[in-house]
Amino acid sequence: MPQLNPAPWLAILVFSWLVFLVVIPPKVIAHTFPNEPTLQSAEKPKADSWTWPWH
């Protein structure tokens, strides 16, 4: 039964983990967003209450 031969499957397992742990993380870490978020001011905007008549 060829399913019980661990030689090719062990190599595939080791190589796939090598790719996941060595190749992919630097690519993910090096990713930068095209639009960096701007910092908001510490002051909260003053919320004016509405003075509209409700009738």
PDB file of N, CA and C in Angstrom:
ATOM      1  N   MET A   1       0.846  -1.193   0.000  1.00  0.00           N
ATOM      2  CA  MET A   1       0.000   0.000   0.000  1.00  0.00           C
ATOM      3  C   MET A   1       0.884   1.245   0.000  1.00  0.00           C
ATOM      4  N   PRO A   2       0.824   2.043  -1.048  1.00  0.00           N
ATOM      5  CA  PRO A   2       1.717   3.202  -1.138  1.00  0.00           C
ATOM      6  C   PRO A   2       1.350   4.324  -0.157  1.00  0.00           C
ATOM      7  N   GLN A   3       0.148   4.311   0.404  1.00  0.00           N
ATOM      8  CA  GLN A   3      -0.236   5.361   1.338  1.00  0.00           C
ATOM      9  C   GLN A   3       0.581   5.284   2.626  1.00  0.00           C
ATOM     10  N   LEU A   4       1.128   4.119   2.938  1.00  0.00           N
ATOM     11  CA  LEU A   4       1.859   3.948   4.182  1.00  0.00           C
ATOM     12  C   LEU A   4       3.329   4.330   4.067  1.00  0.00           C
ATOM     13  N   ASN A   5       3.786   4.695   2.888  1.00  0.00           N
ATOM     14  CA  ASN A   5       5.170   5.097   2.703  1.00  0.00           C
ATOM     15  C   ASN A   5       5.289   6.578   3.093  1.00  0.00           C
ATOM     16  N   PRO A   6       5.951   6.903   4.223  1.00  0.00           N
ATOM     17  CA  PRO A   6       5.987   8.287   4.687  1.00  0.00           C
ATOM     18  C   PRO A   6       7.025   9.171   3.995  1.00  0.00           C
ATOM     19  N   ALA A   7       7.887   8.609   3.186  1.00  0.00           N
ATOM     20  CA  ALA A   7       8.994   9.378   2.625  1.00  0.00           C
ATOM     21  C   ALA A   7       8.537  10.593   1.799  1.00  0.00           C
ATOM     22  N   PRO A   8       7.682  10.452   0.790  1.00  0.00           N
ATOM     23  CA  PRO A   8       7.334  11.659   0.024  1.00  0.00           C
ATOM     24  C   PRO A   8       6.466  12.623   0.826  1.00  0.00           C
ATOM     25  N   TRP A   9       5.598  12.107   1.672  1.00  0.00           N
ATOM     26  CA  TRP A   9       4.684  12.985   2.408  1.00  0.00           C
ATOM     27  C   TRP A   9       5.412  13.760   3.488  1.00  0.00           C
ATOM     28  N   LEU A  10       6.416  13.149   4.087  1.00  0.00           N
ATOM     29  CA  LEU A  10       7.209  13.858   5.086  1.00  0.00           C
ATOM     30  C   LEU A  10       7.982  15.009   4.432  1.00  0.00           C
ATOM     31  N   ALA A  11       8.525  14.779   3.265  1.00  0.00           N
ATOM     32  CA  ALA A  11       9.252  15.829   2.554  1.00  0.00           C
ATOM     33  C   ALA A  11       8.308  16.974   2.171  1.00  0.00           C
ATOM     34  N   ILE A  12       7.114  16.632   1.713  1.00  0.00           N
ATOM     35  CA  ILE A  12       6.127  17.666   1.356  1.00  0.00           C
ATOM     36  C   ILE A  12       5.722  18.455   2.593  1.00  0.00           C
ATOM     37  N   LEU A  13       5.510  17.776   3.708  1.00  0.00           N
ATOM     38  CA  LEU A  13       5.138  18.448   4.952  1.00  0.00           C
ATOM     39  C   LEU A  13       6.242  19.404   5.405  1.00  0.00           C
ATOM     40  N   VAL A  14       7.475  18.931   5.412  1.00  0.00           N
ATOM     41  CA  VAL A  14       8.599  19.767   5.860  1.00  0.00           C
ATOM     42  C   VAL A  14       8.783  20.957   4.925  1.00  0.00           C
ATOM     43  N   PHE A  15       8.712  20.740   3.635  1.00  0.00           N
ATOM     44  CA  PHE A  15       8.895  21.829   2.683  1.00  0.00           C
ATOM     45  C   PHE A  15       7.769  22.854   2.791  1.00  0.00           C
ATOM     46  N   SER A  16       6.537  22.398   2.974  1.00  0.00           N
ATOM     47  CA  SER A  16       5.428  23.354   3.088  1.00  0.00           C
ATOM     48  C   SER A  16       5.561  24.187   4.364  1.00  0.00           C
ATOM     49  N   TRP A  17       5.977  23.576   5.479  1.00  0.00           N
ATOM     50  CA  TRP A  17       6.193  24.355   6.707  1.00  0.00           C
ATOM     51  C   TRP A  17       7.368  25.299   6.552  1.00  0.00           C
ATOM     52  N   LEU A  18       8.364  24.895   5.810  1.00  0.00           N
ATOM     53  CA  LEU A  18       9.491  25.786   5.536  1.00  0.00           C
ATOM     54  C   LEU A  18       9.025  27.023   4.777  1.00  0.00           C
ATOM     55  N   VAL A  19       8.150  26.839   3.804  1.00  0.00           N
ATOM     56  CA  VAL A  19       7.614  27.966   3.054  1.00  0.00           C
ATOM     57  C   VAL A  19       6.769  28.850   3.958  1.00  0.00           C
ATOM     58  N   PHE A  20       5.910  28.234   4.772  1.00  0.00           N
ATOM     59  CA  PHE A  20       5.029  29.019   5.640  1.00  0.00           C
ATOM     60  C   PHE A  20       5.798  29.811   6.689  1.00  0.00           C
ATOM     61  N   LEU A  21       6.879  29.267   7.210  1.00  0.00           N
ATOM     62  CA  LEU A  21       7.578  29.910   8.311  1.00  0.00           C
ATOM     63  C   LEU A  21       8.757  30.780   7.890  1.00  0.00           C
ATOM     64  N   VAL A  22       9.288  30.590   6.689  1.00  0.00           N
ATOM     65  CA  VAL A  22      10.471  31.340   6.271  1.00  0.00           C
ATOM     66  C   VAL A  22      10.163  32.332   5.161  1.00  0.00           C
ATOM     67  N   VAL A  23       9.369  31.947   4.199  1.00  0.00           N
ATOM     68  CA  VAL A  23       9.155  32.785   3.019  1.00  0.00           C
ATOM     69  C   VAL A  23       8.007  33.770   3.216  1.00  0.00           C
ATOM     70  N   ILE A  24       6.896  33.312   3.754  1.00  0.00           N
ATOM     71  CA  ILE A  24       5.698  34.152   3.815  1.00  0.00           C
ATOM     72  C   ILE A  24       5.764  35.261   4.878  1.00  0.00           C
ATOM     73  N   PRO A  25       6.230  35.022   6.128  1.00  0.00           N
ATOM     74  CA  PRO A  25       6.214  36.106   7.130  1.00  0.00           C
ATOM     75  C   PRO A  25       6.954  37.380   6.731  1.00  0.00           C
ATOM     76  N   PRO A  26       8.146  37.333   6.136  1.00  0.00           N
ATOM     77  CA  PRO A  26       8.768  38.600   5.731  1.00  0.00           C
ATOM     78  C   PRO A  26       7.949  39.360   4.692  1.00  0.00           C
ATOM     79  N   LYS A  27       7.278  38.637   3.822  1.00  0.00           N
ATOM     80  CA  LYS A  27       6.444  39.315   2.828  1.00  0.00           C
ATOM     81  C   LYS A  27       5.259  40.001   3.484  1.00  0.00           C
ATOM     82  N   VAL A  28       4.682  39.366   4.486  1.00  0.00           N
ATOM     83  CA  VAL A  28       3.536  39.958   5.182  1.00  0.00           C
ATOM     84  C   VAL A  28       3.984  41.148   6.031  1.00  0.00           C
ATOM     85  N   ILE A  29       5.110  41.018   6.705  1.00  0.00           N
ATOM     86  CA  ILE A  29       5.604  42.091   7.555  1.00  0.00           C
ATOM     87  C   ILE A  29       6.023  43.295   6.724  1.00  0.00           C
ATOM     88  N   ALA A  30       6.545  43.074   5.540  1.00  0.00           N
ATOM     89  CA  ALA A  30       7.011  44.169   4.688  1.00  0.00           C
ATOM     90  C   ALA A  30       5.858  44.899   3.994  1.00  0.00           C
ATOM     91  N   HIS A  31       4.652  44.409   4.142  1.00  0.00           N
ATOM     92  CA  HIS A  31       3.509  45.049   3.481  1.00  0.00           C
ATOM     93  C   HIS A  31       3.252  46.413   4.087  1.00  0.00           C
ATOM     94  N   THR A  32       3.089  47.404   3.240  1.00  0.00           N
ATOM     95  CA  THR A  32       2.756  48.752   3.710  1.00  0.00           C
ATOM     96  C   THR A  32       1.465  49.196   3.048  1.00  0.00           C
ATOM     97  N   PHE A  33       0.719  50.002   3.758  1.00  0.00           N
ATOM     98  CA  PHE A  33      -0.520  50.517   3.219  1.00  0.00           C
ATOM     99  C   PHE A  33      -0.229  51.743   2.359  1.00  0.00           C
ATOM    100  N   PRO A  34      -0.928  51.923   1.261  1.00  0.00           N
ATOM    101  CA  PRO A  34      -0.649  53.078   0.401  1.00  0.00           C
ATOM    102  C   PRO A  34      -1.031  54.407   1.056  1.00  0.00           C
ATOM    103  N   ASN A  35      -2.016  54.413   1.911  1.00  0.00           N
ATOM    104  CA  ASN A  35      -2.450  55.634   2.571  1.00  0.00           C
ATOM    105  C   ASN A  35      -2.263  55.477   4.069  1.00  0.00           C
ATOM    106  N   GLU A  36      -1.252  56.135   4.603  1.00  0.00           N
ATOM    107  CA  GLU A  36      -1.023  56.072   6.039  1.00  0.00           C
ATOM    108  C   GLU A  36      -2.090  56.896   6.748  1.00  0.00           C
ATOM    109  N   PRO A  37      -2.636  56.403   7.844  1.00  0.00           N
ATOM    110  CA  PRO A  37      -3.669  57.164   8.549  1.00  0.00           C
ATOM    111  C   PRO A  37      -3.075  58.415   9.192  1.00  0.00           C
ATOM    112  N   THR A  38      -3.842  59.487   9.184  1.00  0.00           N
ATOM    113  CA  THR A  38      -3.393  60.723   9.813  1.00  0.00           C
ATOM    114  C   THR A  38      -3.840  60.733  11.264  1.00  0.00           C
ATOM    115  N   LEU A  39      -3.053  61.357  12.105  1.00  0.00           N
ATOM    116  CA  LEU A  39      -3.390  61.434  13.513  1.00  0.00           C
ATOM    117  C   LEU A  39      -4.473  62.489  13.730  1.00  0.00           C
ATOM    118  N   GLN A  40      -5.435  62.160  14.558  1.00  0.00           N
ATOM    119  CA  GLN A  40      -6.483  63.118  14.867  1.00  0.00           C
ATOM    120  C   GLN A  40      -6.021  63.996  16.016  1.00  0.00           C
ATOM    121  N   SER A  41      -6.578  65.197  16.072  1.00  0.00           N
ATOM    122  CA  SER A  41      -6.208  66.086  17.160  1.00  0.00           C
ATOM    123  C   SER A  41      -6.795  65.580  18.472  1.00  0.00           C
ATOM    124  N   ALA A  42      -6.162  65.969  19.562  1.00  0.00           N
ATOM    125  CA  ALA A  42      -6.611  65.517  20.878  1.00  0.00           C
ATOM    126  C   ALA A  42      -7.876  66.242  21.319  1.00  0.00           C
ATOM    127  N   GLU A  43      -8.142  67.402  20.726  1.00  0.00           N
ATOM    128  CA  GLU A  43      -9.344  68.158  21.103  1.00  0.00           C
ATOM    129  C   GLU A  43     -10.572  67.526  20.481  1.00  0.00           C
ATOM    130  N   LYS A  44     -11.597  67.387  21.279  1.00  0.00           N
ATOM    131  CA  LYS A  44     -12.845  66.870  20.747  1.00  0.00           C
ATOM    132  C   LYS A  44     -13.622  68.035  20.129  1.00  0.00           C
ATOM    133  N   PRO A  45     -14.229  67.816  18.990  1.00  0.00           N
ATOM    134  CA  PRO A  45     -15.017  68.912  18.407  1.00  0.00           C
ATOM    135  C   PRO A  45     -16.231  69.223  19.281  1.00  0.00           C
ATOM    136  N   LYS A  46     -16.549  70.504  19.366  1.00  0.00           N
ATOM    137  CA  LYS A  46     -17.667  70.916  20.204  1.00  0.00           C
ATOM    138  C   LYS A  46     -18.969  70.533  19.497  1.00  0.00           C
ATOM    139  N   ALA A  47     -19.792  69.798  20.195  1.00  0.00           N
ATOM    140  CA  ALA A  47     -21.069  69.362  19.625  1.00  0.00           C
ATOM    141  C   ALA A  47     -22.137  70.390  19.986  1.00  0.00           C
ATOM    142  N   ASP A  48     -22.608  71.127  18.987  1.00  0.00           N
ATOM    143  CA  ASP A  48     -23.679  72.103  19.220  1.00  0.00           C
ATOM    144  C   ASP A  48     -25.023  71.388  19.199  1.00  0.00           C
ATOM    145  N   SER A  49     -25.873  71.746  20.140  1.00  0.00           N
ATOM    146  CA  SER A  49     -27.206  71.142  20.139  1.00  0.00           C
ATOM    147  C   SER A  49     -28.062  71.810  19.073  1.00  0.00           C
ATOM    148  N   TRP A  50     -29.045  71.075  18.582  1.00  0.00           N
ATOM    149  CA  TRP A  50     -29.912  71.610  17.559  1.00  0.00           C
ATOM    150  C   TRP A  50     -30.911  72.577  18.187  1.00  0.00           C
ATOM    151  N   THR A  51     -31.142  73.657  17.510  1.00  0.00           N
ATOM    152  CA  THR A  51     -32.144  74.626  17.986  1.00  0.00           C
ATOM    153  C   THR A  51     -33.349  74.652  17.064  1.00  0.00           C
ATOM    154  N   TRP A  52     -33.608  73.562  16.375  1.00  0.00           N
ATOM    155  CA  TRP A  52     -34.718  73.517  15.448  1.00  0.00           C
ATOM    156  C   TRP A  52     -36.034  73.332  16.207  1.00  0.00           C
ATOM    157  N   PRO A  53     -37.060  74.014  15.784  1.00  0.00           N
ATOM    158  CA  PRO A  53     -38.374  73.753  16.390  1.00  0.00           C
ATOM    159  C   PRO A  53     -38.915  72.400  15.898  1.00  0.00           C
ATOM    160  N   TRP A  54     -39.550  71.688  16.788  1.00  0.00           N
ATOM    161  CA  TRP A  54     -40.044  70.360  16.439  1.00  0.00           C
ATOM    162  C   TRP A  54     -41.540  70.375  16.144  1.00  0.00           C
ATOM    163  N   HIS A  55     -42.096  71.524  15.822  1.00  0.00           N
ATOM    164  CA  HIS A  55     -43.533  71.562  15.466  1.00  0.00           C
ATOM    165  C   HIS A  55     -43.744  72.321  14.202  1.00  0.00           C
TER     166      HIS A  55
END
